């Protein structure tokens, strides 16, 4: 499954793995379709390393699951250490 994120710096295309991380993918896709991420900024940017975003409070401490509470981590060796990986924090 592929998704495109439109930003003021250009578009980013992501490949999602619902067979490996079904709850994480469903959470991201549902929030995306419902406009949850519209206008949300990347609250942490480290050049040539990573960006963090998706938190509507822009603090890195906010956000919520579509399931109403935290859900189990979906770690997998099949998706470990992929260049340009998209992942979700679970704090």
C-alpha atoms as a PDB file:
ATOM      1  CA  UNK A   1       0.000   0.000   0.000  1.00  0.00           C
ATOM      2  CA  UNK A   2       1.362   3.427  -0.895  1.00  0.00           C
ATOM      3  CA  UNK A   3       0.328   6.821   0.440  1.00  0.00           C
ATOM      4  CA  UNK A   4       1.366  10.308  -0.633  1.00  0.00           C
ATOM      5  CA  UNK A   5       1.868  13.076   1.926  1.00  0.00           C
ATOM      6  CA  UNK A   6       1.539  16.582   0.507  1.00  0.00           C
ATOM      7  CA  UNK A   7       3.680  19.187   2.294  1.00  0.00           C
ATOM      8  CA  UNK A   8       4.686  22.784   1.640  1.00  0.00           C
ATOM      9  CA  UNK A   9       8.150  21.417   0.730  1.00  0.00           C
ATOM     10  CA  UNK A  10       6.837  18.863  -1.761  1.00  0.00           C
ATOM     11  CA  UNK A  11       5.251  15.447  -1.801  1.00  0.00           C
ATOM     12  CA  UNK A  12       6.534  12.348  -0.028  1.00  0.00           C
ATOM     13  CA  UNK A  13       5.472   8.838  -1.012  1.00  0.00           C
ATOM     14  CA  UNK A  14       5.450   6.094   1.614  1.00  0.00           C
ATOM     15  CA  UNK A  15       5.062   2.356   1.313  1.00  0.00           C
ATOM     16  CA  UNK A  16       3.028   0.884   4.162  1.00  0.00           C
ATOM     17  CA  UNK A  17       3.049  -2.747   5.273  1.00  0.00           C
ATOM     18  CA  UNK A  18      -0.428  -3.734   6.534  1.00  0.00           C
ATOM     19  CA  UNK A  19       0.556  -7.411   6.535  1.00  0.00           C
ATOM     20  CA  UNK A  20       3.387  -6.664   8.998  1.00  0.00           C
ATOM     21  CA  UNK A  21       1.863  -3.853  11.095  1.00  0.00           C
ATOM     22  CA  UNK A  22      -1.920  -3.940  10.568  1.00  0.00           C
ATOM     23  CA  UNK A  23      -2.966  -1.809  13.544  1.00  0.00           C
ATOM     24  CA  UNK A  24      -0.271   0.806  12.933  1.00  0.00           C
ATOM     25  CA  UNK A  25      -1.172   1.099   9.253  1.00  0.00           C
ATOM     26  CA  UNK A  26      -4.899   1.291  10.006  1.00  0.00           C
ATOM     27  CA  UNK A  27      -4.271   3.980  12.624  1.00  0.00           C
ATOM     28  CA  UNK A  28      -2.197   6.075  10.185  1.00  0.00           C
ATOM     29  CA  UNK A  29      -4.549   5.615   7.215  1.00  0.00           C
ATOM     30  CA  UNK A  30      -7.709   6.334   9.225  1.00  0.00           C
ATOM     31  CA  UNK A  31      -6.219   9.475  10.780  1.00  0.00           C
ATOM     32  CA  UNK A  32      -5.042  10.578   7.330  1.00  0.00           C
ATOM     33  CA  UNK A  33      -8.462  10.082   5.724  1.00  0.00           C
ATOM     34  CA  UNK A  34     -10.175  11.919   8.595  1.00  0.00           C
ATOM     35  CA  UNK A  35      -7.898  14.976   8.282  1.00  0.00           C
ATOM     36  CA  UNK A  36      -6.209  14.423  11.645  1.00  0.00           C
ATOM     37  CA  UNK A  37      -2.808  15.375  10.222  1.00  0.00           C
ATOM     38  CA  UNK A  38      -3.981  18.369   8.159  1.00  0.00           C
ATOM     39  CA  UNK A  39      -1.893  21.401   9.114  1.00  0.00           C
ATOM     40  CA  UNK A  40       0.269  19.419  11.534  1.00  0.00           C
ATOM     41  CA  UNK A  41       3.953  20.357  11.401  1.00  0.00           C
ATOM     42  CA  UNK A  42       7.134  18.366  11.731  1.00  0.00           C
ATOM     43  CA  UNK A  43       8.013  19.283  15.319  1.00  0.00           C
ATOM     44  CA  UNK A  44      11.558  17.881  15.136  1.00  0.00           C
ATOM     45  CA  UNK A  45      13.873  18.027  12.112  1.00  0.00           C
ATOM     46  CA  UNK A  46      17.460  16.771  12.065  1.00  0.00           C
ATOM     47  CA  UNK A  47      19.058  17.369   8.654  1.00  0.00           C
ATOM     48  CA  UNK A  48      20.200  14.236   6.829  1.00  0.00           C
ATOM     49  CA  UNK A  49      18.760  12.052   9.592  1.00  0.00           C
ATOM     50  CA  UNK A  50      15.061  12.243  10.400  1.00  0.00           C
ATOM     51  CA  UNK A  51      11.895  14.236  10.930  1.00  0.00           C
ATOM     52  CA  UNK A  52       9.193  13.702  13.532  1.00  0.00           C
ATOM     53  CA  UNK A  53       5.617  14.812  13.084  1.00  0.00           C
ATOM     54  CA  UNK A  54       2.015  13.769  13.429  1.00  0.00           C
ATOM     55  CA  UNK A  55       1.513  15.362  16.842  1.00  0.00           C
ATOM     56  CA  UNK A  56      -1.240  18.000  16.746  1.00  0.00           C
ATOM     57  CA  UNK A  57       0.271  19.724  19.812  1.00  0.00           C
ATOM     58  CA  UNK A  58       3.668  20.045  18.014  1.00  0.00           C
ATOM     59  CA  UNK A  59       5.432  19.064  21.251  1.00  0.00           C
ATOM     60  CA  UNK A  60       6.170  15.409  20.605  1.00  0.00           C
ATOM     61  CA  UNK A  61       3.960  14.543  23.574  1.00  0.00           C
ATOM     62  CA  UNK A  62       0.504  14.606  21.975  1.00  0.00           C
ATOM     63  CA  UNK A  63      -1.412  12.411  19.605  1.00  0.00           C
ATOM     64  CA  UNK A  64      -3.928   9.661  20.017  1.00  0.00           C
ATOM     65  CA  UNK A  65      -4.797   6.260  18.662  1.00  0.00           C
ATOM     66  CA  UNK A  66      -7.977   5.526  16.719  1.00  0.00           C
ATOM     67  CA  UNK A  67      -8.398   2.639  19.149  1.00  0.00           C
ATOM     68  CA  UNK A  68      -8.872   4.982  22.121  1.00  0.00           C
ATOM     69  CA  UNK A  69      -5.721   3.891  23.918  1.00  0.00           C
ATOM     70  CA  UNK A  70      -2.231   2.647  23.188  1.00  0.00           C
ATOM     71  CA  UNK A  71      -1.947  -0.619  21.288  1.00  0.00           C
ATOM     72  CA  UNK A  72       0.794  -3.234  21.234  1.00  0.00           C
ATOM     73  CA  UNK A  73       3.974  -2.548  19.288  1.00  0.00           C
ATOM     74  CA  UNK A  74       4.172  -4.351  15.959  1.00  0.00           C
ATOM     75  CA  UNK A  75       7.895  -5.048  15.683  1.00  0.00           C
ATOM     76  CA  UNK A  76       9.086  -7.300  12.872  1.00  0.00           C
ATOM     77  CA  UNK A  77      12.446  -8.392  11.527  1.00  0.00           C
ATOM     78  CA  UNK A  78      10.852  -8.170   8.050  1.00  0.00           C
ATOM     79  CA  UNK A  79      10.725  -4.377   8.297  1.00  0.00           C
ATOM     80  CA  UNK A  80      13.856  -3.773  10.352  1.00  0.00           C
ATOM     81  CA  UNK A  81      16.391  -1.160   9.274  1.00  0.00           C
ATOM     82  CA  UNK A  82      14.828  -0.119   5.978  1.00  0.00           C
ATOM     83  CA  UNK A  83      16.464   2.948   4.421  1.00  0.00           C
ATOM     84  CA  UNK A  84      13.995   5.839   4.609  1.00  0.00           C
ATOM     85  CA  UNK A  85      11.729   3.926   6.974  1.00  0.00           C
ATOM     86  CA  UNK A  86       8.500   5.439   8.234  1.00  0.00           C
ATOM     87  CA  UNK A  87       7.745   4.444  11.804  1.00  0.00           C
ATOM     88  CA  UNK A  88       5.402   5.408  14.611  1.00  0.00           C
ATOM     89  CA  UNK A  89       6.374   6.362  18.139  1.00  0.00           C
ATOM     90  CA  UNK A  90       4.435   4.819  20.981  1.00  0.00           C
ATOM     91  CA  UNK A  91       4.913   6.842  24.137  1.00  0.00           C
END
